[in-house]
Amino acid sequence: MTISITIPVTHWGYTKGKKKICAEKKTLADALSHLHRLFPDIDGHIVDVNNRLHPGIEMVVNEDLIFPFNPWLVLKPGDQVRISSIITGG
């Protein structure tokens, strides 16, 4: 099952400029583990060791915000996972 994962511009430095990857994974947790194996520098910048989203990160699957975050969400072929950075300031 192939899904795509889009990486936010704020994290391209951890992925050597790679903006999107494809993977064959069954759950969101599996897909994120795959991303971390490909790009170890991104580890800890998306989810922590307890599978909680890092502050300032949102996860969207097929235009649906995954809130509360559910790492065990089952993915279907063709699903598009988008990792978004929440930029704030004042």
C-alpha atoms as a PDB file:
ATOM      1  CA  MET A   1       0.000   0.000   0.000  1.00  0.00           C
ATOM      2  CA  THR A   2       1.616   3.256  -1.097  1.00  0.00           C
ATOM      3  CA  ILE A   3       0.962   6.488   0.769  1.00  0.00           C
ATOM      4  CA  SER A   4       2.726   9.844   0.452  1.00  0.00           C
ATOM      5  CA  ILE A   5       4.127  11.987   3.239  1.00  0.00           C
ATOM      6  CA  THR A   6       4.669  15.706   2.641  1.00  0.00           C
ATOM      7  CA  ILE A   7       7.313  17.316   4.858  1.00  0.00           C
ATOM      8  CA  PRO A   8       6.973  20.980   5.896  1.00  0.00           C
ATOM      9  CA  VAL A   9       9.502  23.507   4.627  1.00  0.00           C
ATOM     10  CA  THR A  10      10.617  24.094   8.230  1.00  0.00           C
ATOM     11  CA  HIS A  11      11.931  20.504   8.320  1.00  0.00           C
ATOM     12  CA  TRP A  12      13.588  20.225   4.894  1.00  0.00           C
ATOM     13  CA  GLY A  13      16.973  20.740   6.565  1.00  0.00           C
ATOM     14  CA  TYR A  14      16.489  17.420   8.350  1.00  0.00           C
ATOM     15  CA  THR A  15      15.563  15.653   5.082  1.00  0.00           C
ATOM     16  CA  LYS A  16      18.370  17.061   2.902  1.00  0.00           C
ATOM     17  CA  GLY A  17      15.781  19.128   1.027  1.00  0.00           C
ATOM     18  CA  LYS A  18      13.435  16.221   0.324  1.00  0.00           C
ATOM     19  CA  LYS A  19       9.860  17.554   0.276  1.00  0.00           C
ATOM     20  CA  LYS A  20       7.881  14.324  -0.073  1.00  0.00           C
ATOM     21  CA  ILE A  21       8.402  10.602   0.321  1.00  0.00           C
ATOM     22  CA  CYS A  22       6.321   7.577  -0.550  1.00  0.00           C
ATOM     23  CA  ALA A  23       5.982   4.547   1.679  1.00  0.00           C
ATOM     24  CA  GLU A  24       4.064   1.323   1.982  1.00  0.00           C
ATOM     25  CA  LYS A  25       2.832   1.447   5.565  1.00  0.00           C
ATOM     26  CA  LYS A  26      -0.346   0.444   7.399  1.00  0.00           C
ATOM     27  CA  THR A  27      -0.534   3.025  10.183  1.00  0.00           C
ATOM     28  CA  LEU A  28       0.496   6.614  10.729  1.00  0.00           C
ATOM     29  CA  ALA A  29       3.010   5.433  13.356  1.00  0.00           C
ATOM     30  CA  ASP A  30       4.582   3.033  10.814  1.00  0.00           C
ATOM     31  CA  ALA A  31       4.805   5.814   8.228  1.00  0.00           C
ATOM     32  CA  LEU A  32       6.466   8.203  10.682  1.00  0.00           C
ATOM     33  CA  SER A  33       8.906   5.498  11.806  1.00  0.00           C
ATOM     34  CA  HIS A  34       9.813   4.993   8.144  1.00  0.00           C
ATOM     35  CA  LEU A  35      10.403   8.757   7.784  1.00  0.00           C
ATOM     36  CA  HIS A  36      12.666   8.686  10.857  1.00  0.00           C
ATOM     37  CA  ARG A  37      14.661   5.734   9.507  1.00  0.00           C
ATOM     38  CA  LEU A  38      15.216   7.530   6.188  1.00  0.00           C
ATOM     39  CA  PHE A  39      16.140  10.818   7.857  1.00  0.00           C
ATOM     40  CA  PRO A  40      17.456  10.217  11.396  1.00  0.00           C
ATOM     41  CA  ASP A  41      18.025  13.957  11.934  1.00  0.00           C
ATOM     42  CA  ILE A  42      14.253  14.537  11.893  1.00  0.00           C
ATOM     43  CA  ASP A  43      13.822  12.205  14.887  1.00  0.00           C
ATOM     44  CA  GLY A  44      12.195  14.075  17.764  1.00  0.00           C
ATOM     45  CA  HIS A  45      11.056  16.967  15.577  1.00  0.00           C
ATOM     46  CA  ILE A  46       7.727  15.404  14.504  1.00  0.00           C
ATOM     47  CA  VAL A  47       6.780  12.996  17.310  1.00  0.00           C
ATOM     48  CA  ASP A  48       8.422  12.141  20.597  1.00  0.00           C
ATOM     49  CA  VAL A  49       9.335   8.691  21.949  1.00  0.00           C
ATOM     50  CA  ASN A  50       5.771   8.332  23.283  1.00  0.00           C
ATOM     51  CA  ASN A  51       4.222   8.939  19.831  1.00  0.00           C
ATOM     52  CA  ARG A  52       2.962  12.404  20.795  1.00  0.00           C
ATOM     53  CA  LEU A  53       3.169  15.221  18.279  1.00  0.00           C
ATOM     54  CA  HIS A  54       5.942  17.706  18.871  1.00  0.00           C
ATOM     55  CA  PRO A  55       4.541  21.127  19.873  1.00  0.00           C
ATOM     56  CA  GLY A  56       3.895  23.201  16.768  1.00  0.00           C
ATOM     57  CA  ILE A  57       3.173  20.220  14.501  1.00  0.00           C
ATOM     58  CA  GLU A  58      -0.158  19.236  12.963  1.00  0.00           C
ATOM     59  CA  MET A  59      -0.897  16.045  11.056  1.00  0.00           C
ATOM     60  CA  VAL A  60      -3.350  16.020   8.159  1.00  0.00           C
ATOM     61  CA  VAL A  61      -4.476  12.925   6.250  1.00  0.00           C
ATOM     62  CA  ASN A  62      -6.412  13.588   3.033  1.00  0.00           C
ATOM     63  CA  GLU A  63      -7.398  17.100   4.189  1.00  0.00           C
ATOM     64  CA  ASP A  64      -8.609  15.823   7.595  1.00  0.00           C
ATOM     65  CA  LEU A  65      -6.812  17.199  10.623  1.00  0.00           C
ATOM     66  CA  ILE A  66      -5.887  14.282  12.889  1.00  0.00           C
ATOM     67  CA  PHE A  67      -6.833  15.747  16.241  1.00  0.00           C
ATOM     68  CA  PRO A  68      -6.432  14.398  18.723  1.00  0.00           C
ATOM     69  CA  PHE A  69      -3.375  12.818  17.178  1.00  0.00           C
ATOM     70  CA  ASN A  70      -3.839   9.081  16.628  1.00  0.00           C
ATOM     71  CA  PRO A  71      -0.603   7.332  15.628  1.00  0.00           C
ATOM     72  CA  TRP A  72      -2.504   4.054  15.157  1.00  0.00           C
ATOM     73  CA  LEU A  73      -4.745   5.500  12.442  1.00  0.00           C
ATOM     74  CA  VAL A  74      -4.977   2.917   9.649  1.00  0.00           C
ATOM     75  CA  LEU A  75      -3.895   4.289   6.273  1.00  0.00           C
ATOM     76  CA  LYS A  76      -5.347   3.252   2.937  1.00  0.00           C
ATOM     77  CA  PRO A  77      -3.599   3.035  -0.459  1.00  0.00           C
ATOM     78  CA  GLY A  78      -3.268   6.493  -1.952  1.00  0.00           C
ATOM     79  CA  ASP A  79      -3.635   8.351   1.344  1.00  0.00           C
ATOM     80  CA  GLN A  80      -1.775  11.628   1.546  1.00  0.00           C
ATOM     81  CA  VAL A  81      -0.191  12.499   4.886  1.00  0.00           C
ATOM     82  CA  ARG A  82       0.814  16.128   5.322  1.00  0.00           C
ATOM     83  CA  ILE A  83       2.944  17.213   8.241  1.00  0.00           C
ATOM     84  CA  SER A  84       2.377  20.908   8.939  1.00  0.00           C
ATOM     85  CA  SER A  85       4.314  23.342  11.086  1.00  0.00           C
ATOM     86  CA  ILE A  86       2.281  25.831  13.063  1.00  0.00           C
ATOM     87  CA  ILE A  87       4.091  29.144  12.818  1.00  0.00           C
ATOM     88  CA  THR A  88       3.260  31.596  15.572  1.00  0.00           C
ATOM     89  CA  GLY A  89       4.622  34.888  16.652  1.00  0.00           C
ATOM     90  CA  GLY A  90       3.703  38.149  18.147  1.00  0.00           C
END
